[in-house]
Structures are given as structure tokens and as C-alpha cells.
Protein backbone atom coordinates (compact mmCIF):
# COMPACT_ATOMS: atom_id res chain seq x y z
CA UNK A 1 -22.13 -44.05 30.31
CA UNK A 2 -23.06 -44.56 33.97
CA UNK A 3 -23.97 -48.12 34.84
CA UNK A 4 -26.86 -48.84 37.23
CA UNK A 5 -25.17 -51.87 38.78
CA UNK A 6 -22.57 -51.68 41.52
CA UNK A 7 -18.95 -52.14 40.47
CA UNK A 8 -17.17 -55.19 41.80
CA UNK A 9 -14.58 -52.99 43.46
CA UNK A 10 -17.15 -51.23 45.69
CA UNK A 11 -16.79 -52.02 49.40
CA UNK A 12 -19.46 -54.03 51.17
CA UNK A 13 -22.43 -52.20 52.70
CA UNK A 14 -22.00 -51.69 56.43
CA UNK A 15 -24.55 -50.63 59.02
CA UNK A 16 -25.51 -46.98 58.80
CA UNK A 17 -24.64 -44.47 61.46
CA UNK A 18 -21.20 -45.92 62.14
CA UNK A 19 -17.71 -44.69 61.35
CA UNK A 20 -17.36 -47.69 59.09
CA UNK A 21 -20.40 -46.54 57.15
CA UNK A 22 -18.85 -43.12 56.68
CA UNK A 23 -15.66 -44.70 55.39
CA UNK A 24 -17.76 -46.83 53.04
CA UNK A 25 -19.44 -43.72 51.66
CA UNK A 26 -16.05 -42.12 51.08
CA UNK A 27 -14.81 -45.25 49.33
CA UNK A 28 -17.84 -45.22 47.07
CA UNK A 29 -17.33 -41.56 46.19
CA UNK A 30 -13.67 -42.22 45.48
CA UNK A 31 -14.58 -45.22 43.34
CA UNK A 32 -17.09 -43.13 41.44
CA UNK A 33 -14.48 -40.46 40.83
CA UNK A 34 -12.01 -43.06 39.57
CA UNK A 35 -14.62 -44.35 37.14
CA UNK A 36 -15.26 -40.80 35.91
CA UNK A 37 -11.59 -39.93 35.35
CA UNK A 38 -10.81 -40.21 31.65
CA UNK A 39 -7.17 -41.18 31.25
CA UNK A 40 -7.35 -40.37 27.55
CA UNK A 41 -8.66 -36.91 28.37
CA UNK A 42 -5.77 -36.29 30.79
CA UNK A 43 -3.27 -37.43 28.16
CA UNK A 44 -4.95 -35.20 25.58
CA UNK A 45 -4.71 -32.22 27.96
CA UNK A 46 -0.96 -32.79 28.35
CA UNK A 47 -0.51 -33.33 24.63
CA UNK A 48 -2.31 -30.12 23.70
CA UNK A 49 -0.49 -28.24 26.49
CA UNK A 50 2.81 -29.17 24.82
CA UNK A 51 1.61 -28.03 21.37
CA UNK A 52 2.95 -24.48 21.76
CA UNK A 53 6.53 -25.46 22.62
CA UNK A 54 9.16 -25.96 19.95
CA UNK A 55 12.85 -26.54 19.31
CA UNK A 56 14.58 -24.03 17.02
CA UNK A 57 16.67 -25.97 14.49
CA UNK A 58 16.77 -23.36 11.75
CA UNK A 59 13.07 -24.13 11.48
CA UNK A 60 10.70 -24.61 14.40
CA UNK A 61 10.34 -28.30 15.27
CA UNK A 62 7.37 -29.13 17.49
CA UNK A 63 7.67 -32.36 19.53
CA UNK A 64 3.89 -32.87 19.32
CA UNK A 65 4.28 -33.32 15.57
CA UNK A 66 6.73 -36.17 16.12
CA UNK A 67 4.18 -37.80 18.43
CA UNK A 68 1.56 -37.29 15.73
CA UNK A 69 3.72 -39.08 13.16
CA UNK A 70 4.16 -42.06 15.50
CA UNK A 71 0.40 -42.05 16.10
CA UNK A 72 -0.19 -42.15 12.34
CA UNK A 73 2.10 -45.15 12.04
CA UNK A 74 0.13 -46.88 14.82
CA UNK A 75 -3.23 -46.03 13.22
CA UNK A 76 -2.13 -47.18 9.77
CA UNK A 77 -0.66 -50.46 11.00
CA UNK A 78 -3.32 -51.45 13.53
CA UNK A 79 -5.15 -54.60 12.50
CA UNK A 80 -8.79 -53.90 11.85
CA UNK A 81 -11.68 -55.15 9.78
CA UNK A 82 -11.95 -51.82 7.99
CA UNK A 83 -9.50 -49.18 6.71
CA UNK A 84 -8.57 -46.40 9.15
CA UNK A 85 -10.45 -43.74 7.17
CA UNK A 86 -13.66 -45.77 7.42
CA UNK A 87 -13.10 -46.22 11.15
CA UNK A 88 -12.94 -42.45 11.57
CA UNK A 89 -16.03 -42.03 9.40
CA UNK A 90 -17.93 -44.54 11.54
CA UNK A 91 -16.65 -43.04 14.80
CA UNK A 92 -17.48 -39.44 13.91
CA UNK A 93 -20.58 -40.25 11.88
CA UNK A 94 -19.25 -38.26 8.93
CA UNK A 95 -17.21 -38.58 5.76
CA UNK A 96 -15.33 -35.38 6.54
CA UNK A 97 -12.24 -37.08 8.05
CA UNK A 98 -11.56 -38.91 4.78
CA UNK A 99 -12.36 -35.80 2.73
CA UNK A 100 -9.93 -33.71 4.77
CA UNK A 101 -7.14 -36.26 4.37
CA UNK A 102 -7.70 -36.56 0.62
CA UNK A 103 -7.67 -32.77 0.27
CA UNK A 104 -4.42 -32.64 2.24
CA UNK A 105 -2.94 -35.20 -0.14
CA UNK A 106 -3.83 -32.96 -3.09
CA UNK A 107 -2.25 -29.99 -1.32
CA UNK A 108 0.91 -32.04 -0.69
CA UNK A 109 1.16 -33.01 -4.37
CA UNK A 110 0.53 -29.38 -5.37
CA UNK A 111 3.32 -28.25 -3.04
CA UNK A 112 5.86 -30.66 -4.51
CA UNK A 113 4.96 -29.76 -8.11
CA UNK A 114 4.92 -26.02 -7.34
CA UNK A 115 8.34 -26.09 -5.69
CA UNK A 116 9.86 -28.09 -8.55
CA UNK A 117 8.45 -25.79 -11.23
CA UNK A 118 9.44 -22.62 -9.37
CA UNK A 119 12.88 -23.96 -8.40
CA UNK A 120 12.11 -23.06 -4.79
CA UNK A 121 15.04 -22.82 -2.38
CA UNK A 122 15.71 -26.20 -0.78
CA UNK A 123 14.96 -25.13 2.79
CA UNK A 124 11.67 -23.47 1.79
CA UNK A 125 10.68 -26.53 -0.26
CA UNK A 126 11.40 -28.84 2.67
CA UNK A 127 9.41 -26.60 5.03
CA UNK A 128 6.55 -26.43 2.53
CA UNK A 129 6.23 -30.20 2.29
CA UNK A 130 6.78 -30.65 6.03
CA UNK A 131 3.98 -28.26 7.06
CA UNK A 132 1.37 -30.10 4.96
CA UNK A 133 2.57 -33.53 6.08
CA UNK A 134 2.69 -32.42 9.73
CA UNK A 135 -0.83 -30.99 9.49
CA UNK A 136 -2.11 -34.29 8.08
CA UNK A 137 -0.40 -36.22 10.88
CA UNK A 138 -1.85 -33.88 13.51
CA UNK A 139 -5.37 -34.23 12.11
CA UNK A 140 -5.09 -38.03 12.30
CA UNK A 141 -3.57 -37.91 15.80
CA UNK A 142 -6.19 -35.59 17.26
CA UNK A 143 -8.99 -37.57 15.60
CA UNK A 144 -7.54 -40.70 17.20
CA UNK A 145 -7.08 -39.21 20.68
CA UNK A 146 -10.47 -37.44 20.88
CA UNK A 147 -12.46 -40.45 19.63
CA UNK A 148 -15.56 -38.26 19.07
CA UNK A 149 -16.01 -37.71 22.84
CA UNK A 150 -17.25 -34.16 23.53
CA UNK A 151 -15.74 -34.10 27.03
CA UNK A 152 -12.30 -34.65 25.53
CA UNK A 153 -12.78 -31.52 23.45
CA UNK A 154 -12.86 -29.54 26.68
CA UNK A 155 -9.62 -31.21 27.81
CA UNK A 156 -8.09 -30.41 24.43
CA UNK A 157 -8.84 -26.68 24.66
CA UNK A 158 -7.99 -26.35 28.34
CA UNK A 159 -4.59 -27.80 27.52
CA UNK A 160 -4.10 -25.46 24.59
CA UNK A 161 -5.11 -22.39 26.61
CA UNK A 162 -2.73 -23.14 29.47
CA UNK A 163 -0.03 -24.25 27.03
CA UNK A 164 -0.17 -20.94 25.21
CA UNK A 165 0.01 -19.04 28.49
CA UNK A 166 3.03 -21.13 29.47
CA UNK A 167 4.73 -20.48 26.14
CA UNK A 168 4.50 -16.73 26.78
CA UNK A 169 6.82 -17.26 29.73
CA UNK A 170 9.20 -19.79 28.16
CA UNK A 171 9.14 -18.82 24.46
CA UNK A 172 7.42 -15.45 23.94
CA UNK A 173 7.07 -14.25 20.36
CA UNK A 174 9.00 -11.33 18.94
CA UNK A 175 5.94 -9.04 19.02
CA UNK A 176 4.84 -9.96 22.55
CA UNK A 177 6.77 -7.26 24.40
CA UNK A 178 5.33 -4.51 22.21
CA UNK A 179 1.70 -5.66 22.20
CA UNK A 180 1.28 -8.30 24.93
CA UNK A 181 -2.49 -8.60 24.64
CA UNK A 182 -2.73 -8.88 20.85
CA UNK A 183 0.28 -11.18 20.44
CA UNK A 184 0.03 -13.05 23.72
CA UNK A 185 -2.85 -13.10 26.15
CA UNK A 186 -5.85 -12.42 23.91
CA UNK A 187 -6.40 -15.91 22.48
CA UNK A 188 -5.76 -18.02 25.62
CA UNK A 189 -7.78 -15.71 27.88
CA UNK A 190 -10.67 -15.63 25.40
CA UNK A 191 -10.49 -19.41 25.04
CA UNK A 192 -10.65 -19.92 28.80
CA UNK A 193 -13.66 -17.60 29.03
CA UNK A 194 -15.53 -19.58 26.36
CA UNK A 195 -14.64 -22.84 28.11
CA UNK A 196 -16.15 -21.50 31.32
CA UNK A 197 -19.19 -20.36 29.35
CA UNK A 198 -19.48 -23.94 28.05
CA UNK A 199 -19.52 -25.49 31.53
CA UNK A 200 -19.75 -23.57 34.79
CA UNK A 201 -21.20 -20.33 33.41
CA UNK A 202 -23.58 -21.56 30.71
CA UNK A 203 -26.36 -19.22 31.82
CA UNK A 204 -24.17 -16.23 31.09
CA UNK A 205 -22.68 -17.37 27.78
CA UNK A 206 -24.03 -14.52 25.64
CA UNK A 207 -23.02 -11.89 28.19
CA UNK A 208 -19.54 -13.41 28.39
CA UNK A 209 -19.15 -13.39 24.59
CA UNK A 210 -20.28 -9.76 24.36
CA UNK A 211 -18.02 -8.82 27.25
CA UNK A 212 -15.07 -10.45 25.49
CA UNK A 213 -15.90 -8.50 22.32
CA UNK A 214 -15.84 -5.25 24.30
CA UNK A 215 -12.63 -6.22 26.13
CA UNK A 216 -10.76 -7.09 22.94
CA UNK A 217 -11.99 -3.92 21.27
CA UNK A 218 -10.78 -1.82 24.22
CA UNK A 219 -7.38 -3.57 24.07
CA UNK A 220 -7.02 -2.81 20.35
CA UNK A 221 -7.66 -6.30 18.97
CA UNK A 222 -10.56 -5.65 16.66
CA UNK A 223 -10.30 -9.02 14.86
CA UNK A 224 -10.94 -10.91 18.11
CA UNK A 225 -13.71 -8.45 18.95
CA UNK A 226 -15.40 -9.37 15.65
CA UNK A 227 -14.97 -13.10 16.35
CA UNK A 228 -16.53 -12.79 19.81
CA UNK A 229 -19.39 -10.71 18.43
CA UNK A 230 -20.18 -13.37 15.80
CA UNK A 231 -20.05 -16.09 18.48
CA UNK A 232 -22.42 -14.03 20.67
CA UNK A 233 -24.83 -13.60 17.76
CA UNK A 234 -24.81 -17.34 17.06
CA UNK A 235 -25.57 -18.12 20.70
CA UNK A 236 -28.32 -15.49 20.80
CA UNK A 237 -30.02 -16.81 17.65
CA UNK A 238 -29.71 -20.34 19.05
CA UNK A 239 -31.96 -19.34 21.95
CA UNK A 240 -34.54 -17.71 19.72
CA UNK A 241 -36.45 -20.85 18.78
CA UNK A 242 -38.86 -18.92 16.50
CA UNK A 243 -36.07 -17.59 14.26
CA UNK A 244 -36.69 -20.23 11.58
CA UNK A 245 -34.62 -23.07 10.17
CA UNK A 246 -30.91 -23.51 10.74
CA UNK A 247 -30.09 -21.95 7.36
CA UNK A 248 -32.23 -18.89 8.07
CA UNK A 249 -30.67 -18.52 11.49
CA UNK A 250 -27.18 -18.72 10.03
CA UNK A 251 -28.10 -16.15 7.38
CA UNK A 252 -29.28 -13.85 10.16
CA UNK A 253 -25.99 -14.30 12.00
CA UNK A 254 -24.09 -13.61 8.77
CA UNK A 255 -25.96 -10.41 7.93
CA UNK A 256 -25.80 -9.00 11.44
CA UNK A 257 -22.19 -10.20 11.76
CA UNK A 258 -21.14 -8.34 8.60
CA UNK A 259 -22.91 -5.21 9.83
CA UNK A 260 -21.25 -5.60 13.22
CA UNK A 261 -17.85 -6.06 11.60
CA UNK A 262 -18.26 -2.88 9.57
CA UNK A 263 -19.39 -1.06 12.68
CA UNK A 264 -16.44 -2.28 14.75
CA UNK A 265 -13.91 -1.37 12.04
CA UNK A 266 -15.44 2.08 11.54
CA UNK A 267 -15.67 2.85 15.24
CA UNK A 268 -12.15 1.59 15.88
CA UNK A 269 -10.70 3.74 13.10
CA UNK A 270 -12.57 6.79 14.33
CA UNK A 271 -11.28 6.36 17.87
CA UNK A 272 -7.78 5.38 16.77
CA UNK A 273 -7.29 8.33 14.41
CA UNK A 274 -8.45 10.66 17.18
CA UNK A 275 -5.66 9.34 19.42
CA UNK A 276 -7.89 7.43 21.83
CA UNK A 277 -5.68 4.29 21.66
CA UNK A 278 -2.38 6.17 21.74
CA UNK A 279 0.08 7.61 19.24
CA UNK A 280 1.18 4.31 17.69
CA UNK A 281 -2.40 3.27 16.97
CA UNK A 282 -3.18 6.75 15.64
CA UNK A 283 -0.34 6.63 13.11
CA UNK A 284 -1.18 3.08 12.01
CA UNK A 285 -4.89 3.78 11.64
CA UNK A 286 -4.29 7.08 9.83
CA UNK A 287 -2.16 5.20 7.31
CA UNK A 288 -4.72 2.44 6.78
CA UNK A 289 -7.69 4.81 6.56
CA UNK A 290 -6.22 7.53 4.35
CA UNK A 291 -7.97 6.29 1.20
CA UNK A 292 -11.56 6.56 0.05
CA UNK A 293 -12.65 3.20 1.52
CA UNK A 294 -11.13 3.65 4.96
CA UNK A 295 -9.41 0.71 6.64
CA UNK A 296 -11.76 -1.82 5.01
CA UNK A 297 -9.41 -2.08 2.03
CA UNK A 298 -6.07 -1.90 3.82
CA UNK A 299 -6.78 -3.52 7.18
CA UNK A 300 -5.66 -6.68 5.37
CA UNK A 301 -3.93 -5.16 2.37
CA UNK A 302 -2.21 -8.48 1.63
CA UNK A 303 -5.50 -9.82 0.22
CA UNK A 304 -5.19 -7.68 -2.90
CA UNK A 305 -1.65 -8.86 -3.54
CA UNK A 306 -2.72 -12.47 -2.99
CA UNK A 307 -5.56 -12.28 -5.51
CA UNK A 308 -3.35 -10.65 -8.14
CA UNK A 309 -0.64 -13.24 -7.59
CA UNK A 310 -3.19 -16.07 -7.94
CA UNK A 311 -4.49 -14.53 -11.16
CA UNK A 312 -0.94 -14.34 -12.54
CA UNK A 313 0.09 -17.94 -11.59
CA UNK A 314 -3.09 -19.90 -10.77
CA UNK A 315 -1.79 -23.41 -11.51
CA UNK A 316 1.54 -23.65 -9.71
CA UNK A 317 1.72 -20.47 -7.64
CA UNK A 318 5.01 -18.86 -6.64
CA UNK A 319 6.36 -21.76 -4.56
CA UNK A 320 6.42 -22.44 -0.80
CA UNK A 321 7.18 -19.29 1.21
CA UNK A 322 7.50 -17.35 -2.02
CA UNK A 323 6.33 -13.80 -2.67
CA UNK A 324 4.44 -12.00 -5.43
CA UNK A 325 6.30 -11.01 -8.55
CA UNK A 326 7.45 -7.44 -8.96
CA UNK A 327 4.76 -6.88 -11.59
CA UNK A 328 2.06 -7.93 -9.12
CA UNK A 329 3.43 -5.67 -6.38
CA UNK A 330 3.68 -2.66 -8.70
CA UNK A 331 0.21 -3.17 -10.16
CA UNK A 332 -1.46 -3.53 -6.76
CA UNK A 333 0.51 -0.57 -5.36
CA UNK A 334 -0.73 1.54 -8.24
CA UNK A 335 -4.32 0.51 -7.52
CA UNK A 336 -3.88 1.47 -3.86
CA UNK A 337 -2.32 4.81 -4.75
CA UNK A 338 -5.17 5.63 -7.14
CA UNK A 339 -7.63 4.99 -4.30
CA UNK A 340 -5.75 7.38 -2.02
CA UNK A 341 -3.62 4.90 -0.05
CA UNK A 342 -0.28 6.45 -1.00
CA UNK A 343 1.55 5.49 2.19
CA UNK A 344 0.48 1.83 1.99
CA UNK A 345 1.46 1.80 -1.70
CA UNK A 346 4.92 3.16 -0.92
CA UNK A 347 5.38 0.61 1.86
CA UNK A 348 4.48 -2.19 -0.55
CA UNK A 349 6.97 -0.96 -3.14
CA UNK A 350 9.85 -0.32 -0.78
CA UNK A 351 9.24 -2.63 2.16
CA UNK A 352 10.05 -6.30 2.75
CA UNK A 353 7.35 -8.84 1.89
CA UNK A 354 6.07 -10.75 4.93
CA UNK A 355 3.35 -13.20 3.95
CA UNK A 356 0.08 -13.48 2.06
CA UNK A 357 -1.68 -13.28 5.45
CA UNK A 358 -4.47 -15.74 4.62
CA UNK A 359 -4.64 -19.49 5.04
CA UNK A 360 -6.74 -19.93 1.90
CA UNK A 361 -5.30 -17.26 -0.40
CA UNK A 362 -1.78 -17.89 0.86
CA UNK A 363 -1.94 -21.61 0.09
CA UNK A 364 -3.25 -20.99 -3.45
CA UNK A 365 -0.85 -18.12 -4.14
CA UNK A 366 2.11 -20.26 -3.04
CA UNK A 367 1.18 -23.74 -4.30
CA UNK A 368 -1.55 -23.30 -6.90
CA UNK A 369 -5.23 -24.04 -7.20
CA UNK A 370 -5.00 -27.66 -5.99
CA UNK A 371 -4.11 -26.32 -2.55
CA UNK A 372 -7.50 -24.59 -2.33
CA UNK A 373 -9.48 -27.80 -1.85
CA UNK A 374 -8.40 -28.38 1.74
CA UNK A 375 -9.19 -24.85 2.90
CA UNK A 376 -12.54 -24.87 1.11
CA UNK A 377 -13.49 -28.07 2.97
CA UNK A 378 -12.28 -26.44 6.20
CA UNK A 379 -14.45 -23.39 5.56
CA UNK A 380 -17.51 -25.52 4.79
CA UNK A 381 -16.94 -27.48 7.99
CA UNK A 382 -16.73 -24.30 10.10
CA UNK A 383 -19.90 -22.92 8.49
CA UNK A 384 -21.74 -26.18 9.19
CA UNK A 385 -20.49 -26.02 12.76
CA UNK A 386 -22.07 -22.59 13.14
CA UNK A 387 -25.26 -23.96 11.59
CA UNK A 388 -25.36 -26.63 14.28
CA UNK A 389 -24.85 -23.97 16.95
CA UNK A 390 -27.71 -21.76 15.76
CA UNK A 391 -29.85 -24.84 15.11
CA UNK A 392 -29.30 -26.06 18.70
CA UNK A 393 -27.85 -29.36 17.49
CA UNK A 394 -24.35 -29.26 18.95
CA UNK A 395 -22.75 -30.20 22.24
CA UNK A 396 -20.96 -27.36 24.04
CA UNK A 397 -22.20 -24.73 21.55
CA UNK A 398 -20.26 -21.94 23.27
CA UNK A 399 -16.76 -23.23 22.54
CA UNK A 400 -17.93 -24.48 19.13
CA UNK A 401 -19.23 -21.02 18.17
CA UNK A 402 -15.90 -19.46 19.15
CA UNK A 403 -13.81 -22.07 17.30
CA UNK A 404 -15.89 -21.80 14.12
CA UNK A 405 -16.01 -18.00 14.08
CA UNK A 406 -12.26 -17.76 14.67
CA UNK A 407 -11.62 -20.52 12.13
CA UNK A 408 -13.50 -18.68 9.38
CA UNK A 409 -11.65 -15.45 10.18
CA UNK A 410 -8.27 -17.24 10.07
CA UNK A 411 -9.01 -18.94 6.75
CA UNK A 412 -9.56 -15.52 5.18
CA UNK A 413 -7.26 -13.19 7.08
CA UNK A 414 -4.54 -15.03 9.06
CA UNK A 415 -1.26 -16.55 7.83
CA UNK A 416 -0.62 -20.26 8.22
CA UNK A 417 2.39 -20.09 10.52
CA UNK A 418 4.29 -22.91 12.19
CA UNK A 419 2.25 -22.58 15.38
CA UNK A 420 -1.06 -22.83 13.53
CA UNK A 421 -0.87 -26.48 12.48
CA UNK A 422 -2.00 -27.94 15.80
CA UNK A 423 -4.60 -25.19 16.20
CA UNK A 424 -6.15 -25.98 12.81
CA UNK A 425 -6.18 -29.73 13.53
CA UNK A 426 -7.78 -29.16 16.96
CA UNK A 427 -10.40 -26.84 15.48
CA UNK A 428 -11.40 -29.33 12.78
CA UNK A 429 -11.71 -32.23 15.19
CA UNK A 430 -13.68 -30.02 17.58
CA UNK A 431 -16.32 -29.40 14.91
CA UNK A 432 -16.43 -33.07 13.96
CA UNK A 433 -16.71 -34.28 17.55
CA UNK A 434 -19.35 -31.78 18.68
CA UNK A 435 -21.42 -32.28 15.53
CA UNK A 436 -21.32 -36.06 15.87
CA UNK A 437 -23.86 -36.29 18.69
CA UNK A 438 -27.50 -37.29 18.07
CA UNK A 439 -29.63 -34.14 17.94
CA UNK A 440 -32.40 -35.45 20.19
CA UNK A 441 -29.95 -36.30 22.98
CA UNK A 442 -28.27 -32.93 22.65
CA UNK A 443 -31.51 -31.01 22.82
CA UNK A 444 -32.41 -32.87 25.99
CA UNK A 445 -29.01 -32.07 27.51
CA UNK A 446 -29.21 -28.41 26.48
CA UNK A 447 -32.73 -28.11 27.88
CA UNK A 448 -31.50 -29.42 31.23
CA UNK A 449 -28.51 -27.06 31.14
CA UNK A 450 -30.63 -23.99 30.46
CA UNK A 451 -33.33 -24.75 33.04
């Protein structure tokens, strides 16, 4: 908060009109800049920048996770009048930090029990426990570093965007060379655009979000196009003050978002099967859309296998990094074939299993129903974040809308890979930090920003 009094380090006032006076003015500006520089924000930028770099030791080891563990030790051992979980609750004005950590504890217990019951391979069991423990440590670390300061959220995401771009040069993924936009540039470029829409280009935030939806659609990344469309809808409804309560506004975004998603999928399949996006996209889309429901059923065909696997082993799952039983694969393949998806069914029967391709369904399918609690809390938090966006109650609603829309999509349709742990922790703390501000102050700030 800016102080009205003059800092003790300011130089004395000299007569105006002299060279000395000009130097004094420069000193004052420099002093003001020093007071505005947030050392914690700079450190957070560097920390998040490093989040995409790893050391391959049979499994990917991320140095930022080691820093997170040390941070947890510091937080847990720091002398205080109240437990660390209560400090976070007081700082963020919410009980969600404690709820998230408790849910992670349940997931950790579920993982250990699941791996013991399923006699999971030692390396997979170790990786299963490590990913939950590392995620918990990262949540605590990011909560601690951000300290509920909205400006630090911007530093966090700027660091992540540039870090991901840097990782494409140093450690590009195996799919990057084949589809550089989808598996490389799409997320960091889209993130940077939403950061600019949150600060320098606030007046054009809706246009930017719609432009990003069109760009991602044209570059064959329909999932990101859907995410940007939902973010644009949330920002549009936010400006329509007469749209009703926050719940009604969110319902409007949901209904239009679902319709938009169906429209994007249908239009993409139509163009792809006609060869508009090239031969590779034509073959892939023709395979996914050969049945009676089009690509809506097979765009994420893993969902059907996940649900069947959960129904077969709901309590303990199949174990960390496990796969559905042969009975589940054959039954779901038969269902697909009966609906006309013969190629997808044959691929499921004869191909190699990759993953359950969903943070929520994958966790439950692997480790049982106790693992669901964490991802349900995550989903609720993202939905409430969108409610605060459409209800004009959040700081930096542009980046928050993007993070929440992408977070909901990932919970349902994206696998929880090694590189996702920091992303999930950053997303959760972003919602907590931007929701933590008093609504009357935020409305005043937003009114100034829009005028």
C-alpha cells in the first residue's frame, strides 16, 4: 500500500529549476521504483520459470519440487501462534487450503492401499506416491510464496509462460516436432495473451479471447479453442450487469459454452474430414467420427474405458499407472463397435494402452474412490472462480477466467502427467488469491480499469 509520508531515504528538497532539482526528481522516481519492486514476486517468477525443467533419472525429477519440499519443512517448523493451515486460511480468507491438503492426504492413503492390494510394480508405486506428495508440497510452496497478493499471480504466470517457451528449446517433448503448436506453443502463447488482456490490454479482453479461440481452432487445437471461448463468454457476461445473479450468469456461460463446444467440435470434424486441415487430420477425424455420434464419443474415447474400469474396481482401482483389465477393454470396444466406431474399437483391442486421459477419472480408476475427493474440490474451486469472474468479484478476471476454464477441461479430459503438478498447484493458488480480495475494493478497481 502506498504511504502518504515521505520515506526517510528520500533526498532533501532542493530549489526548483536547477540541475540539482532534476537529480532530486530522478532520485525520488528511483526510490519510488525500489519501493514498488516486489522481491518475492521476482523470486516467484524465477521459481515458476524453472518449473518446466527436469532431470531424467528413469523418472522425471523436477528441481522445483525439491524446493517445494524444503519450503514445506520451513512452513511446518516455523514458530507461530497458530497452525500453518490456519495461517493459510486467515491469509487467503478461505478454508480451501486446508480442505485441499486434507483431500490430498486421502488421495495419498488411497494410493498406498491401492498399490499394495494390486501388487503394483515397485517403480510405479514409488512414482504414484511421489506425484501426490510432490503436488501437496507444491500447493503449500506456492501458497506460501504468493501470500494472497494478486500482483504475484501475474509474476507466477509470466514465469510459467516464458519457462514453457524455454523448455521447448532445451527439452522439447516427443510430439513437439510433429505438432509444434498443439504440443508446444499453444499454452504459453495463449497464457501470455491473457496476461496482456489482464493488464495492458484490458479494454480488448473479450476480443483477445475470441481471437485466441479462432487462432487455436485454425491451428487444429480445438480443446484450447473451447477453453478460450468459455473464457470469452465469462468476460462478456461479466460486463452485462443486468444478466442477473452470479449463479444465473454462470448458468448462462455454461449453456452457451456447451452449445459452443458442440459447434466447435462439429465444425472442426466437418472441415477436417473434408481435408481442410491436411491428410493427417482428415484420417484422424474420419476415424473418430465414423460412428453415429460423431467425434463427441471418441474425441476422448478413454473416458468410456475409465468409467468401466471404475465400475469394475471402485474401491482400490487398478494401481498407480495401471491399465484397465482385459474384460473392460473388450466390453468397451464392443460398445464402440456396435455404435459404428469399428476402427477405434480395433485400436483399443490391439493397441498399447496410454493413460486414462483425465485427472479425475484417471485418479479414481488407478487409486480408487478416495482419490476423487481432491479433484472434486478442485473442480468446485474452478467453478467458484468462474462465478467470481461473471459476478465481477475477482481481481484480474481475464487470467482467472482462462485458468478456471482450462482447469475444468483438464480435470475431465487431460492426463495428470509429471509436468502437470506445478500447473495444478499454480492454478489452485491463482483462484484462491484472486478470490480473496474484498468485493467492494475490486469493483472500484475494475470500474477505474474499464473507464
